[in-house]
Amino acid sequence: MSNHILLKPSAVSGHDPETSDYRITAPNVGAMEVPEELKRDCLLFYYPDCEQLARRVAECSEGKVELAEITWNEGKVELAEITWNEGKVELAEITWKRFADGFPNLFVKDAIRIRNRHVAFLASFHKPSVIFEQISIIYQLPRLFVGSFTLVLPYFPTGTAERVEAEGDVATAFTLARIISNIPLARGGPASVVIFDIHALQERFYFGDQVLPLFESGIPLLRERLRQLPDASNITIAYPDEGAWKRFHYQFGDYPEVICTKVRDGDKRIVRLKEGTARGRHVVIVDDLVQSGGTLIECQKLLATQGAAHVSAYVTHGVFPKESWRRFEGEGSNGAADGFKYFWITDSCPATVEAVTDRAPFEVLSLAQPIAAALQI
């Protein structure tokens, strides 16, 4: 898995607190923000398709040591060793079988042992046919006398169906939010629900008061990866449309920006440059998810004609129905004109991760560390 990257966003920013811009800080839970006395061990159940990510989360829960460069107000730079411990995450098992009629036959192993423990479930609603069996587990775990319960759903799949434009439209994002909102109470109170880069920010209001949604972002992983690039000082962030700019620009306040826009030409939607300069830059297109990829490819072609030296892309959720990831080619001898330098996704969609392993231009930035940190809340 040479294109799988396990990153940890910097534990210490190194910025002067008097001048730091809070607008480029994601709202993610930090590994060092939870007081030591409040950290807790967790039993993590998972859907079989999520096993690889679950094991990475467990690995990330072990204590770590980091060397961080800190700049003090006087301008003095020192190298400090920072140690922190996250609560240990232990993997727990569920037997996933089916009866002859196709309905799920499920069994939670060691149901007595999980009483009064902090329990979490790592889910993947990547297709409708797998949701019912996972909801059955999600509704059952809090009723096994667990101390607290957290649902980790990295990708909220109906997020793009969030509004009604004509009478009769069904906003299935609201439907799924209602299903999740009915998770039973654990002994410690409402369930926490961890979701990464939900498609529309207003969807946070679709969840009822019976659950506590925690909305995290994959952008800190991208920022850490950009800092590692040999041309890190030549990066420009691009947004494929105004919606992506509204969503993510506050997390890139320290980067030059390019904003694209979509205009209609008959039945076609054409991507055009709205503002910003791409010439000579390594331009990274940022969005929350990709489906067919048509908009990203049109954006890449536009930026190449504008003189970009390289074009890369990042999406938190690489959905890619019908293997649409095959449309994305890596750079050739002509640089940006040939394709993408990098295409970064996270491991929120397990089937995609398996499909693009060791395939250029894709790199997988794992959500394991942010999930491990979020389990401490």
Protein backbone atom coordinates (compact mmCIF):
# COMPACT_ATOMS: atom_id res chain seq x y z
CA MET A 1 0.00 0.00 0.00
CA SER A 2 2.65 2.47 -1.06
CA ASN A 3 0.14 5.26 -1.72
CA HIS A 4 -1.46 5.04 1.74
CA ILE A 5 -0.25 7.81 4.04
CA LEU A 6 -0.86 8.00 7.78
CA LEU A 7 -0.53 11.67 8.74
CA LYS A 8 -0.94 13.41 12.05
CA PRO A 9 -1.73 17.13 11.82
CA SER A 10 0.84 19.04 13.85
CA ALA A 11 0.20 18.87 17.58
CA VAL A 12 1.81 22.28 18.02
CA SER A 13 1.26 25.00 15.46
CA GLY A 14 4.48 26.90 16.20
CA HIS A 15 2.65 30.19 15.58
CA ASP A 16 2.76 33.22 17.78
CA PRO A 17 -0.66 33.22 19.49
CA GLU A 18 -0.83 37.00 19.07
CA THR A 19 -0.72 36.77 15.29
CA SER A 20 -2.19 33.32 14.51
CA ASP A 21 -5.23 33.41 12.24
CA TYR A 22 -7.94 31.24 13.78
CA ARG A 23 -9.71 31.12 10.41
CA ILE A 24 -7.24 28.57 9.06
CA THR A 25 -7.82 26.22 11.97
CA ALA A 26 -10.23 23.32 11.44
CA PRO A 27 -12.62 22.52 14.29
CA ASN A 28 -11.14 19.04 14.73
CA VAL A 29 -10.46 17.52 18.12
CA GLY A 30 -6.74 17.79 18.90
CA ALA A 31 -4.84 14.92 20.48
CA MET A 32 -3.45 17.24 23.14
CA GLU A 33 -6.65 19.16 23.87
CA VAL A 34 -8.29 16.49 26.01
CA PRO A 35 -6.98 16.59 29.61
CA GLU A 36 -5.12 13.44 30.58
CA GLU A 37 -7.56 12.63 33.38
CA LEU A 38 -10.51 12.72 30.95
CA LYS A 39 -9.03 10.37 28.36
CA ARG A 40 -10.65 6.97 28.21
CA ASP A 41 -10.21 3.59 26.63
CA CYS A 42 -12.65 2.62 23.91
CA LEU A 43 -13.99 -0.61 22.44
CA LEU A 44 -14.35 -0.09 18.70
CA PHE A 45 -16.75 -2.27 16.71
CA TYR A 46 -16.68 -1.91 12.93
CA TYR A 47 -18.39 -2.95 9.72
CA PRO A 48 -16.25 -5.55 7.89
CA ASP A 49 -15.50 -3.19 4.99
CA CYS A 50 -13.98 -0.76 7.52
CA GLU A 51 -11.55 -3.24 9.09
CA GLN A 52 -8.42 -1.67 7.62
CA LEU A 53 -9.36 1.79 8.90
CA ALA A 54 -10.40 0.37 12.29
CA ARG A 55 -7.00 -1.27 12.72
CA ARG A 56 -5.27 2.00 11.86
CA VAL A 57 -7.37 3.79 14.47
CA ALA A 58 -6.29 1.24 17.07
CA GLU A 59 -2.65 1.73 16.09
CA CYS A 60 -2.99 5.52 16.40
CA SER A 61 -4.37 5.23 19.93
CA GLU A 62 -1.00 4.16 21.30
CA GLY A 63 1.18 6.80 22.99
CA LYS A 64 3.41 8.81 20.65
CA VAL A 65 6.40 11.10 20.78
CA GLU A 66 6.78 13.98 18.35
CA LEU A 67 9.56 16.45 17.68
CA ALA A 68 8.02 19.84 17.05
CA GLU A 69 9.72 23.09 16.13
CA ILE A 70 8.47 25.97 18.28
CA THR A 71 9.10 29.64 17.56
CA TRP A 72 9.00 31.85 20.65
CA ASN A 73 8.07 35.54 20.73
CA GLU A 74 11.71 36.60 20.93
CA GLY A 75 12.37 34.89 17.64
CA LYS A 76 14.29 32.07 19.27
CA VAL A 77 13.69 28.66 17.72
CA GLU A 78 13.98 25.53 19.83
CA LEU A 79 13.28 21.85 19.20
CA ALA A 80 10.93 20.47 21.83
CA GLU A 81 9.98 16.86 22.48
CA ILE A 82 6.26 16.45 23.07
CA THR A 83 4.68 13.28 24.41
CA TRP A 84 0.98 12.56 24.70
CA ASN A 85 -1.19 9.54 25.25
CA GLU A 86 -4.59 8.98 23.75
CA GLY A 87 -7.02 6.56 25.33
CA LYS A 88 -6.39 3.05 24.08
CA VAL A 89 -8.71 1.84 21.34
CA GLU A 90 -9.34 -1.90 21.40
CA LEU A 91 -11.07 -3.61 18.51
CA ALA A 92 -14.21 -5.60 19.30
CA GLU A 93 -15.99 -8.16 17.14
CA ILE A 94 -19.41 -8.71 15.61
CA THR A 95 -20.44 -11.83 13.70
CA TRP A 96 -21.99 -10.73 10.40
CA LYS A 97 -24.06 -13.48 8.78
CA ARG A 98 -27.30 -13.74 6.80
CA PHE A 99 -30.30 -16.01 7.05
CA ALA A 100 -31.45 -17.95 4.01
CA ASP A 101 -33.90 -15.19 3.11
CA GLY A 102 -31.09 -12.63 2.97
CA PHE A 103 -31.88 -10.72 6.17
CA PRO A 104 -29.01 -10.15 8.62
CA ASN A 105 -28.09 -12.64 11.33
CA LEU A 106 -25.96 -10.61 13.73
CA PHE A 107 -24.20 -11.33 17.02
CA VAL A 108 -22.24 -8.97 19.28
CA LYS A 109 -19.39 -10.92 20.88
CA ASP A 110 -18.57 -10.38 24.57
CA ALA A 111 -21.77 -8.44 25.16
CA ILE A 112 -21.30 -8.71 28.92
CA ARG A 113 -17.75 -7.35 28.78
CA ILE A 114 -18.79 -4.09 27.13
CA ARG A 115 -21.03 -3.01 30.01
CA ASN A 116 -20.09 0.39 31.44
CA ARG A 117 -17.41 0.80 28.75
CA HIS A 118 -16.99 3.54 26.18
CA VAL A 119 -18.12 1.86 22.96
CA ALA A 120 -17.93 3.07 19.36
CA PHE A 121 -19.00 1.72 15.99
CA LEU A 122 -17.20 2.54 12.72
CA ALA A 123 -19.80 2.48 9.94
CA SER A 124 -19.83 2.73 6.17
CA PHE A 125 -23.14 3.51 4.45
CA HIS A 126 -21.59 3.24 0.99
CA LYS A 127 -24.68 1.63 -0.54
CA PRO A 128 -28.32 1.34 0.59
CA SER A 129 -28.23 -2.45 0.93
CA VAL A 130 -25.75 -2.35 3.83
CA ILE A 131 -27.45 0.31 5.93
CA PHE A 132 -30.15 -1.82 7.59
CA GLU A 133 -27.77 -4.36 9.13
CA GLN A 134 -25.53 -1.60 10.46
CA ILE A 135 -28.47 0.35 11.89
CA SER A 136 -29.50 -2.84 13.68
CA ILE A 137 -26.10 -2.91 15.41
CA ILE A 138 -26.05 0.84 16.02
CA TYR A 139 -29.42 0.68 17.77
CA GLN A 140 -28.44 -2.40 19.80
CA LEU A 141 -25.04 -1.41 21.21
CA PRO A 142 -26.28 1.44 23.46
CA ARG A 143 -28.88 -0.94 24.93
CA LEU A 144 -26.21 -3.34 26.17
CA PHE A 145 -25.63 -1.13 29.25
CA VAL A 146 -22.59 0.59 27.74
CA GLY A 147 -21.28 3.66 29.53
CA SER A 148 -21.32 5.82 26.39
CA PHE A 149 -21.68 5.31 22.65
CA THR A 150 -20.14 6.98 19.59
CA LEU A 151 -21.07 6.37 15.97
CA VAL A 152 -18.25 7.14 13.54
CA LEU A 153 -19.71 7.65 10.07
CA PRO A 154 -16.88 9.26 8.07
CA TYR A 155 -19.00 9.73 4.93
CA PHE A 156 -22.62 10.89 5.20
CA PRO A 157 -23.83 9.50 1.85
CA THR A 158 -27.09 11.34 1.19
CA GLY A 159 -25.56 14.75 1.82
CA THR A 160 -26.05 15.91 -1.77
CA ALA A 161 -29.84 15.39 -1.49
CA GLU A 162 -30.29 18.09 1.13
CA ARG A 163 -32.88 20.46 -0.31
CA VAL A 164 -36.28 20.56 -1.96
CA GLU A 165 -36.38 22.57 -5.18
CA ALA A 166 -39.81 21.47 -6.36
CA GLU A 167 -42.84 20.11 -4.53
CA GLY A 168 -42.42 16.36 -4.41
CA ASP A 169 -38.63 16.30 -4.03
CA VAL A 170 -37.48 14.11 -1.13
CA ALA A 171 -34.49 15.38 0.86
CA THR A 172 -33.03 12.00 1.81
CA ALA A 173 -30.25 13.73 3.78
CA PHE A 174 -32.93 14.68 6.30
CA THR A 175 -34.29 11.11 6.28
CA LEU A 176 -30.91 9.59 7.13
CA ALA A 177 -30.29 12.25 9.79
CA ARG A 178 -33.63 11.33 11.41
CA ILE A 179 -32.69 7.63 11.43
CA ILE A 180 -29.37 8.43 13.11
CA SER A 181 -31.07 10.80 15.55
CA ASN A 182 -33.08 7.90 16.96
CA ILE A 183 -30.06 6.02 18.33
CA PRO A 184 -31.08 4.93 21.87
CA LEU A 185 -29.55 6.63 24.87
CA ALA A 186 -26.58 4.94 26.52
CA ARG A 187 -26.16 4.96 30.29
CA GLY A 188 -24.06 8.10 29.99
CA GLY A 189 -26.51 10.00 27.79
CA PRO A 190 -26.93 10.74 24.05
CA ALA A 191 -24.76 9.13 21.41
CA SER A 192 -22.02 11.14 19.73
CA VAL A 193 -21.95 11.04 15.92
CA VAL A 194 -18.65 11.79 14.15
CA ILE A 195 -18.92 12.86 10.49
CA PHE A 196 -16.20 14.27 8.22
CA ASP A 197 -16.87 17.12 5.80
CA ILE A 198 -20.63 16.73 5.50
CA HIS A 199 -21.67 18.07 2.11
CA ALA A 200 -23.79 21.03 3.21
CA LEU A 201 -23.14 22.81 6.48
CA GLN A 202 -26.85 23.37 7.12
CA GLU A 203 -27.27 19.59 7.42
CA ARG A 204 -26.00 19.80 10.99
CA PHE A 205 -29.44 21.15 11.84
CA TYR A 206 -31.14 18.03 10.45
CA PHE A 207 -30.10 16.00 13.49
CA GLY A 208 -32.36 15.85 16.52
CA ASP A 209 -31.50 16.62 20.14
CA GLN A 210 -31.18 12.91 20.98
CA VAL A 211 -27.66 12.78 19.46
CA LEU A 212 -24.58 15.00 19.61
CA PRO A 213 -23.09 15.43 16.11
CA LEU A 214 -19.37 16.21 15.89
CA PHE A 215 -18.42 17.58 12.48
CA GLU A 216 -14.75 17.03 11.66
CA SER A 217 -12.70 17.82 8.56
CA GLY A 218 -10.06 16.07 6.49
CA ILE A 219 -8.48 19.39 5.48
CA PRO A 220 -5.81 19.33 8.25
CA LEU A 221 -4.50 16.10 6.70
CA LEU A 222 -4.21 17.83 3.33
CA ARG A 223 -2.45 20.83 4.87
CA GLU A 224 0.08 18.51 6.51
CA ARG A 225 0.68 16.71 3.20
CA LEU A 226 1.14 20.02 1.35
CA ARG A 227 3.80 21.04 3.85
CA GLN A 228 5.76 17.90 2.88
CA LEU A 229 5.86 18.64 -0.86
CA PRO A 230 9.14 19.82 -2.41
CA ASP A 231 7.29 22.79 -3.96
CA ALA A 232 5.34 23.61 -0.78
CA SER A 233 6.07 27.32 -1.20
CA ASN A 234 4.48 27.34 -4.66
CA ILE A 235 1.03 25.99 -3.78
CA THR A 236 -2.21 27.72 -4.77
CA ILE A 237 -5.59 26.41 -3.63
CA ALA A 238 -8.39 26.26 -6.21
CA TYR A 239 -12.13 25.78 -5.74
CA PRO A 240 -14.23 24.26 -8.55
CA ASP A 241 -17.20 26.50 -7.73
CA GLU A 242 -18.39 29.19 -5.31
CA GLY A 243 -19.92 26.56 -3.04
CA ALA A 244 -16.55 24.90 -2.42
CA TRP A 245 -15.00 28.33 -1.77
CA LYS A 246 -17.64 29.20 0.83
CA ARG A 247 -17.12 25.83 2.46
CA PHE A 248 -13.33 25.64 2.68
CA HIS A 249 -11.66 28.99 2.08
CA TYR A 250 -11.43 29.82 5.79
CA GLN A 251 -9.12 26.82 6.24
CA PHE A 252 -6.71 28.14 3.59
CA GLY A 253 -6.38 31.78 4.58
CA ASP A 254 -2.60 31.55 4.29
CA TYR A 255 -2.58 30.28 0.66
CA PRO A 256 -3.18 32.12 -2.64
CA GLU A 257 -6.53 31.11 -4.11
CA VAL A 258 -8.15 30.51 -7.47
CA ILE A 259 -11.94 30.39 -7.75
CA CYS A 260 -13.67 28.72 -10.70
CA THR A 261 -17.33 28.96 -11.58
CA LYS A 262 -19.83 26.95 -13.59
CA VAL A 263 -21.83 28.63 -16.36
CA ARG A 264 -24.50 27.16 -18.57
CA ASP A 265 -24.03 26.99 -22.34
CA GLY A 266 -27.22 25.39 -23.60
CA ASP A 267 -27.38 21.95 -21.99
CA LYS A 268 -23.71 22.06 -21.00
CA ARG A 269 -22.14 23.40 -17.82
CA ILE A 270 -18.75 24.96 -18.52
CA VAL A 271 -16.08 25.67 -15.91
CA ARG A 272 -14.51 29.12 -16.17
CA LEU A 273 -12.00 31.08 -14.14
CA LYS A 274 -13.66 33.63 -11.87
CA GLU A 275 -10.62 35.05 -10.06
CA GLY A 276 -7.03 34.27 -9.16
CA THR A 277 -3.83 33.39 -11.02
CA ALA A 278 -2.66 29.86 -11.81
CA ARG A 279 0.38 30.59 -13.98
CA GLY A 280 3.52 28.83 -12.83
CA ARG A 281 1.85 27.50 -9.68
CA HIS A 282 1.13 24.01 -8.34
CA VAL A 283 -2.64 24.38 -8.08
CA VAL A 284 -4.56 22.07 -5.73
CA ILE A 285 -8.31 21.78 -6.34
CA VAL A 286 -10.25 21.25 -3.09
CA ASP A 287 -13.79 19.92 -2.65
CA ASP A 288 -15.67 17.71 -0.20
CA LEU A 289 -16.46 14.81 -2.54
CA VAL A 290 -16.24 13.52 -6.07
CA GLN A 291 -18.75 11.40 -7.96
CA SER A 292 -18.27 11.16 -11.74
CA GLY A 293 -15.40 13.66 -11.62
CA GLY A 294 -16.48 15.68 -14.64
CA THR A 295 -16.21 19.04 -12.90
CA LEU A 296 -12.73 18.31 -11.50
CA ILE A 297 -11.44 17.22 -14.91
CA GLU A 298 -12.84 20.35 -16.56
CA CYS A 299 -11.26 22.43 -13.83
CA GLN A 300 -7.90 20.70 -14.35
CA LYS A 301 -8.03 21.41 -18.09
CA LEU A 302 -8.90 25.05 -17.48
CA LEU A 303 -6.05 25.54 -15.01
CA ALA A 304 -3.60 23.90 -17.44
CA THR A 305 -4.61 26.39 -20.16
CA GLN A 306 -4.06 29.16 -17.60
CA GLY A 307 -0.42 28.13 -17.26
CA ALA A 308 -0.44 26.06 -14.07
CA ALA A 309 2.82 24.14 -13.63
CA HIS A 310 1.02 21.25 -11.91
CA VAL A 311 -2.59 20.50 -10.99
CA SER A 312 -3.54 18.25 -8.09
CA ALA A 313 -6.86 17.58 -6.37
CA TYR A 314 -8.16 16.75 -2.91
CA VAL A 315 -11.56 15.44 -1.86
CA THR A 316 -12.40 13.99 1.52
CA HIS A 317 -14.79 11.45 0.02
CA GLY A 318 -13.81 9.63 -3.16
CA VAL A 319 -17.20 8.14 -4.00
CA PHE A 320 -16.47 7.35 -7.68
CA PRO A 321 -19.60 5.36 -8.68
CA LYS A 322 -19.15 2.95 -11.58
CA GLU A 323 -15.36 3.10 -11.21
CA SER A 324 -15.25 6.71 -12.40
CA TRP A 325 -11.80 6.97 -10.77
CA ARG A 326 -10.49 5.44 -13.99
CA ARG A 327 -11.04 8.80 -15.71
CA PHE A 328 -8.22 10.41 -13.73
CA GLU A 329 -4.77 10.16 -15.27
CA GLY A 330 -1.42 11.15 -13.82
CA GLU A 331 0.95 13.74 -15.19
CA GLY A 332 3.06 12.96 -18.23
CA SER A 333 5.89 14.82 -19.89
CA ASN A 334 3.62 17.82 -20.53
CA GLY A 335 2.90 18.41 -16.83
CA ALA A 336 -0.52 19.82 -15.98
CA ALA A 337 -1.74 19.46 -19.56
CA ASP A 338 -1.61 15.67 -19.26
CA GLY A 339 -3.39 15.14 -15.96
CA PHE A 340 -3.08 15.35 -12.19
CA LYS A 341 0.17 15.47 -10.22
CA TYR A 342 -1.60 14.03 -7.16
CA PHE A 343 -5.17 13.11 -6.36
CA TRP A 344 -5.65 12.89 -2.59
CA ILE A 345 -8.61 11.16 -0.99
CA THR A 346 -9.20 9.85 2.51
CA ASP A 347 -10.20 6.33 3.51
CA SER A 348 -13.84 7.29 4.15
CA CYS A 349 -15.04 5.13 1.23
CA PRO A 350 -13.48 1.66 1.66
CA ALA A 351 -14.29 0.30 -1.81
CA THR A 352 -12.55 3.22 -3.49
CA VAL A 353 -9.49 2.86 -1.26
CA GLU A 354 -9.13 -0.76 -2.30
CA ALA A 355 -9.56 0.10 -5.98
CA VAL A 356 -6.95 2.89 -6.16
CA THR A 357 -4.26 1.28 -4.00
CA ASP A 358 -0.89 1.65 -5.77
CA ARG A 359 -2.50 3.50 -8.66
CA ALA A 360 -1.18 6.91 -9.71
CA PRO A 361 -2.05 9.73 -9.25
CA PHE A 362 -3.97 8.68 -6.11
CA GLU A 363 -2.74 8.95 -2.53
CA VAL A 364 -4.88 7.96 0.45
CA LEU A 365 -4.65 10.20 3.54
CA SER A 366 -5.95 8.16 6.45
CA LEU A 367 -8.59 9.51 8.84
CA ALA A 368 -7.30 7.15 11.54
CA GLN A 369 -5.63 9.75 13.75
CA PRO A 370 -8.52 12.29 13.67
CA ILE A 371 -10.94 9.47 14.47
CA ALA A 372 -8.79 8.26 17.37
CA ALA A 373 -8.75 11.81 18.75
CA ALA A 374 -12.51 12.28 18.26
CA LEU A 375 -13.21 9.12 20.26
CA GLN A 376 -11.91 10.96 23.33
CA ILE A 377 -14.91 13.29 23.44
